Protein backbone atom coordinates (compact mmCIF):
# COMPACT_ATOMS: atom_id res chain seq x y z
CA GLN A 1 -162.82 -20.45 98.01
CA VAL A 2 -163.54 -24.14 97.09
CA LEU A 3 -166.01 -25.47 94.08
CA THR A 4 -167.29 -29.14 94.42
CA LEU A 5 -168.21 -29.89 91.03
CA ASP A 6 -170.41 -33.31 89.58
CA ALA A 7 -168.30 -34.59 87.05
CA ARG A 8 -171.43 -35.14 83.70
CA ASN A 9 -173.25 -38.34 84.72
CA HIS A 10 -172.63 -38.30 87.51
CA GLY A 11 -174.22 -36.51 91.20
CA SER A 12 -177.00 -33.45 89.99
CA SER A 13 -174.68 -32.66 86.24
CA PRO A 14 -175.94 -34.02 83.13
CA HIS A 15 -176.12 -37.29 81.63
CA SER A 16 -174.63 -37.53 78.51
CA PRO A 17 -173.87 -40.61 76.33
CA LEU A 18 -170.01 -39.74 76.24
CA MET A 19 -167.77 -39.96 79.07
CA THR A 20 -164.28 -39.47 78.10
CA TYR A 21 -161.35 -37.69 79.98
CA GLU A 22 -160.85 -35.21 77.52
CA ALA A 23 -164.43 -34.15 77.96
CA MET A 24 -164.58 -33.97 81.38
CA SER A 25 -161.42 -31.86 80.97
CA LEU A 26 -163.53 -29.62 78.97
CA ASP A 27 -166.76 -29.36 81.42
CA VAL A 28 -164.13 -28.11 83.79
CA GLN A 29 -163.18 -25.57 81.55
CA HIS A 30 -165.81 -24.07 80.40
CA LEU A 31 -166.97 -23.72 83.86
CA LEU A 32 -163.75 -21.55 84.91
CA ALA A 33 -164.66 -19.39 82.19
CA ARG A 34 -168.34 -19.03 82.98
CA LEU A 35 -167.04 -18.50 86.39
CA GLY A 36 -164.18 -15.74 85.42
CA VAL A 37 -161.28 -17.69 87.41
CA PRO A 38 -158.04 -17.44 85.62
CA LYS A 39 -156.20 -19.97 87.98
CA CYS A 40 -157.27 -22.60 89.63
CA ILE A 41 -155.42 -25.13 92.26
CA LEU A 42 -156.95 -28.82 91.01
CA LEU A 43 -158.02 -31.54 93.08
CA GLY A 44 -159.41 -34.70 92.23
CA HIS A 45 -160.05 -38.35 93.38
CA SER A 46 -159.41 -41.68 91.38
CA MET A 47 -162.17 -41.05 88.38
CA GLY A 48 -161.54 -36.99 89.31
CA GLY A 49 -158.14 -37.28 89.75
CA LYS A 50 -157.47 -38.11 86.26
CA THR A 51 -159.93 -35.60 84.70
CA ALA A 52 -157.61 -32.88 86.54
CA MET A 53 -154.90 -34.65 85.34
CA THR A 54 -155.65 -34.59 81.90
CA LEU A 55 -156.71 -30.70 82.40
CA ALA A 56 -153.61 -30.09 84.03
CA LEU A 57 -151.89 -31.50 81.06
CA GLN A 58 -153.99 -29.86 78.65
CA ARG A 59 -154.22 -26.39 79.66
CA PRO A 60 -151.63 -25.86 82.07
CA ASP A 61 -152.02 -21.92 82.33
CA LEU A 62 -155.30 -22.82 84.32
CA VAL A 63 -153.80 -25.09 86.87
CA GLU A 64 -151.82 -23.50 89.77
CA ARG A 65 -150.98 -26.89 92.31
CA LEU A 66 -152.84 -30.51 90.83
CA ILE A 67 -153.55 -32.89 93.28
CA SER A 68 -154.39 -35.92 92.45
CA VAL A 69 -155.77 -38.30 95.33
CA ASP A 70 -155.53 -42.52 95.04
CA ILE A 71 -154.96 -42.59 91.41
CA SER A 72 -151.63 -42.60 88.41
CA PRO A 73 -151.73 -41.56 84.55
CA VAL A 74 -151.55 -44.82 83.59
CA SER A 75 -154.02 -47.39 82.81
CA THR A 76 -156.15 -49.42 86.00
CA THR A 77 -157.67 -51.84 84.65
CA LEU A 78 -156.07 -54.45 86.42
CA VAL A 79 -156.14 -53.78 89.74
CA SER A 80 -159.54 -52.54 89.54
CA GLU A 81 -163.34 -54.92 90.27
CA PHE A 82 -165.24 -51.85 88.81
CA SER A 83 -167.19 -53.41 85.91
CA ALA A 84 -168.75 -56.29 88.46
CA TYR A 85 -168.97 -53.21 90.70
CA VAL A 86 -171.65 -51.20 87.82
CA SER A 87 -173.39 -54.65 86.94
CA ALA A 88 -173.97 -55.35 90.49
CA MET A 89 -175.53 -51.42 90.75
CA LYS A 90 -177.18 -52.53 87.58
CA SER A 91 -179.54 -55.24 89.03
CA VAL A 92 -180.02 -54.62 92.16
CA ASN A 93 -184.25 -54.46 92.58
CA ILE A 94 -185.82 -52.06 95.06
CA PRO A 95 -189.78 -52.67 94.90
CA ALA A 96 -191.92 -48.78 94.67
CA GLY A 97 -193.23 -47.50 98.40
CA LEU A 98 -189.95 -48.37 100.45
CA SER A 99 -188.70 -46.20 102.74
CA ARG A 100 -185.40 -44.16 102.68
CA SER A 101 -183.84 -46.47 104.79
CA ALA A 102 -184.81 -49.28 104.14
CA ALA A 103 -184.59 -49.03 100.35
CA ARG A 104 -181.00 -49.05 100.95
CA GLN A 105 -180.82 -51.58 103.17
CA LEU A 106 -182.16 -53.90 100.93
CA ALA A 107 -179.30 -52.15 97.99
CA ASP A 108 -176.86 -52.77 100.41
CA ASP A 109 -177.41 -57.20 101.05
CA GLN A 110 -178.00 -57.19 97.12
CA LEU A 111 -174.70 -55.67 96.29
CA SER A 112 -172.76 -57.12 99.31
CA PRO A 113 -171.73 -60.09 97.49
CA VAL A 114 -169.94 -58.15 94.70
CA VAL A 115 -169.28 -55.43 96.68
CA GLN A 116 -167.83 -57.23 100.14
CA HIS A 117 -165.83 -53.59 101.43
CA PRO A 118 -168.85 -52.18 103.56
CA GLN A 119 -167.15 -48.38 103.35
CA LEU A 120 -167.74 -48.88 99.95
CA ARG A 121 -171.05 -49.78 99.59
CA GLN A 122 -172.12 -46.73 101.57
CA PHE A 123 -170.05 -44.68 98.98
CA LEU A 124 -172.03 -46.46 96.44
CA LEU A 125 -175.80 -46.20 98.04
CA THR A 126 -174.84 -42.29 97.99
CA ASN A 127 -175.78 -42.50 94.65
CA LEU A 128 -179.71 -44.32 95.46
CA VAL A 129 -181.44 -41.87 94.84
CA GLU A 130 -185.96 -41.40 94.92
CA VAL A 131 -187.59 -40.02 91.67
CA GLU A 132 -191.20 -40.41 90.89
CA GLY A 133 -191.50 -43.09 93.57
CA ARG A 134 -189.38 -45.63 92.39
CA TYR A 135 -185.48 -46.05 93.57
CA THR A 136 -183.15 -45.66 90.82
CA TRP A 137 -179.44 -44.96 90.42
CA ARG A 138 -178.18 -40.64 89.85
CA VAL A 139 -175.57 -42.02 88.15
CA ASN A 140 -175.55 -42.86 84.90
CA LEU A 141 -174.72 -46.07 84.68
CA GLU A 142 -175.76 -47.62 80.95
CA ALA A 143 -172.82 -44.03 79.70
CA ILE A 144 -170.10 -45.42 82.61
CA SER A 145 -170.79 -48.80 81.17
CA HIS A 146 -170.06 -48.28 77.86
CA HIS A 147 -167.09 -46.47 78.43
CA LEU A 148 -165.77 -48.19 81.49
CA ALA A 149 -162.13 -48.73 78.80
CA ASP A 150 -161.97 -44.99 78.03
CA ILE A 151 -162.36 -44.67 82.51
CA MET A 152 -160.05 -47.14 83.85
CA SER A 153 -157.44 -46.51 80.86
CA PHE A 154 -155.14 -42.64 80.33
CA PRO A 155 -155.01 -40.24 77.35
CA ILE A 156 -151.80 -39.98 75.59
CA PHE A 157 -149.64 -37.31 76.54
CA HIS A 158 -146.13 -35.81 75.39
CA LYS A 159 -145.79 -32.72 77.49
CA PRO A 160 -145.59 -32.84 80.73
CA TYR A 161 -147.29 -30.19 83.58
CA PRO A 162 -144.89 -27.55 84.62
CA GLY A 163 -147.16 -26.81 88.14
CA PRO A 164 -146.50 -28.29 91.64
CA ALA A 165 -148.17 -31.85 91.71
CA LEU A 166 -149.43 -33.85 94.92
CA PHE A 167 -150.02 -37.90 94.09
CA LEU A 168 -152.27 -38.90 97.81
CA GLY A 169 -151.90 -42.80 97.75
CA GLY A 170 -154.52 -44.93 100.63
CA SER A 171 -151.07 -46.83 101.98
CA ASN A 172 -153.84 -50.11 101.57
CA SER A 173 -154.44 -49.41 97.84
CA PRO A 174 -152.96 -50.55 94.65
CA TYR A 175 -153.89 -47.79 92.57
CA ILE A 176 -150.15 -45.82 93.26
CA SER A 177 -148.11 -48.29 92.93
CA SER A 178 -144.15 -48.11 92.59
CA LYS A 179 -144.35 -49.19 88.37
CA ASP A 180 -146.46 -46.45 88.32
CA TYR A 181 -143.90 -43.34 89.50
CA PRO A 182 -141.56 -43.15 85.72
CA GLU A 183 -144.63 -42.15 84.46
CA ILE A 184 -145.65 -39.88 87.04
CA GLN A 185 -142.44 -38.24 86.68
CA ARG A 186 -142.62 -38.24 83.24
CA LEU A 187 -145.55 -36.06 83.25
CA PHE A 188 -145.08 -34.49 86.16
CA PRO A 189 -141.93 -33.21 86.97
CA LYS A 190 -142.36 -31.18 90.16
CA ALA A 191 -144.35 -34.31 91.60
CA ASP A 192 -144.13 -35.59 95.07
CA ILE A 193 -146.24 -38.60 95.97
CA GLN A 194 -146.86 -39.64 99.38
CA PHE A 195 -148.96 -42.23 101.31
CA ILE A 196 -151.24 -41.81 104.24
CA GLU A 197 -150.94 -44.98 106.47
CA GLY A 198 -153.56 -46.90 107.09
CA ALA A 199 -156.20 -45.32 104.19
CA GLY A 200 -157.59 -47.39 101.23
CA HIS A 201 -158.99 -46.08 98.05
CA ILE A 202 -161.22 -43.60 99.42
CA VAL A 203 -158.86 -41.53 101.43
CA HIS A 204 -160.42 -37.90 102.77
CA GLN A 205 -162.83 -41.27 104.22
CA ASP A 206 -160.40 -43.48 105.51
CA LYS A 207 -158.15 -41.11 107.17
CA PHE A 208 -159.86 -37.60 106.72
CA GLU A 209 -158.04 -35.91 109.38
CA GLU A 210 -154.59 -36.84 107.65
CA PHE A 211 -155.86 -36.34 104.60
CA ILE A 212 -156.31 -32.96 105.39
CA THR A 213 -153.34 -32.70 107.23
CA ALA A 214 -151.40 -33.65 103.98
CA VAL A 215 -153.63 -31.07 101.52
CA LEU A 216 -153.22 -28.10 103.60
CA ASN A 217 -148.96 -28.86 104.14
CA PHE A 218 -148.89 -29.41 100.40
CA LEU A 219 -151.01 -26.18 100.11
CA SER A 220 -148.34 -24.46 102.14
CA SER A 221 -145.97 -25.54 100.65
CA PRO A 222 -143.88 -23.24 98.59
């Protein structure tokens, strides 16, 4: 059984002014309790990966295995252009009355000077929604921009997660680097670090079949 969860301030989940990994970890804990799931395999990408790591470190009893996709348990401020992306998304201006395809194309054109990678723009544009005739972002950009420092950093933990962990990076992405290995190994002593050749940050989009194979291999390993 696979459950996909929209983080707070994302997708169809409620908006909240608070956007820390501790808060997002509690969201997942509350969901597991509500659904009566005693233990799960957690998979998260980027911010979701940091949320998954936080939960595994806070409540290892709830996590059977952990998969962190293209993110390390360290600060990612140096490699991220995310604040520029948020500003670009905030500045998108779409007149009312356009068709969905025309609105997406206009937003794509307005984002392209800052978000130069076409696949990343397509990823961001999945958040463009029509509400009462006007186009808006369904992510809570105000909360995200207010908490960017929290999102880019990682909470401090002293006790490691004892279960199996897979850190699955894209070979073309800087988000898991060899300088992160000591901290990964300190917090996740059973970690396996792998890279998918030719994938960027959105590993599961860039190399879908290779991504699924790596995840399934990890899940079937002892």
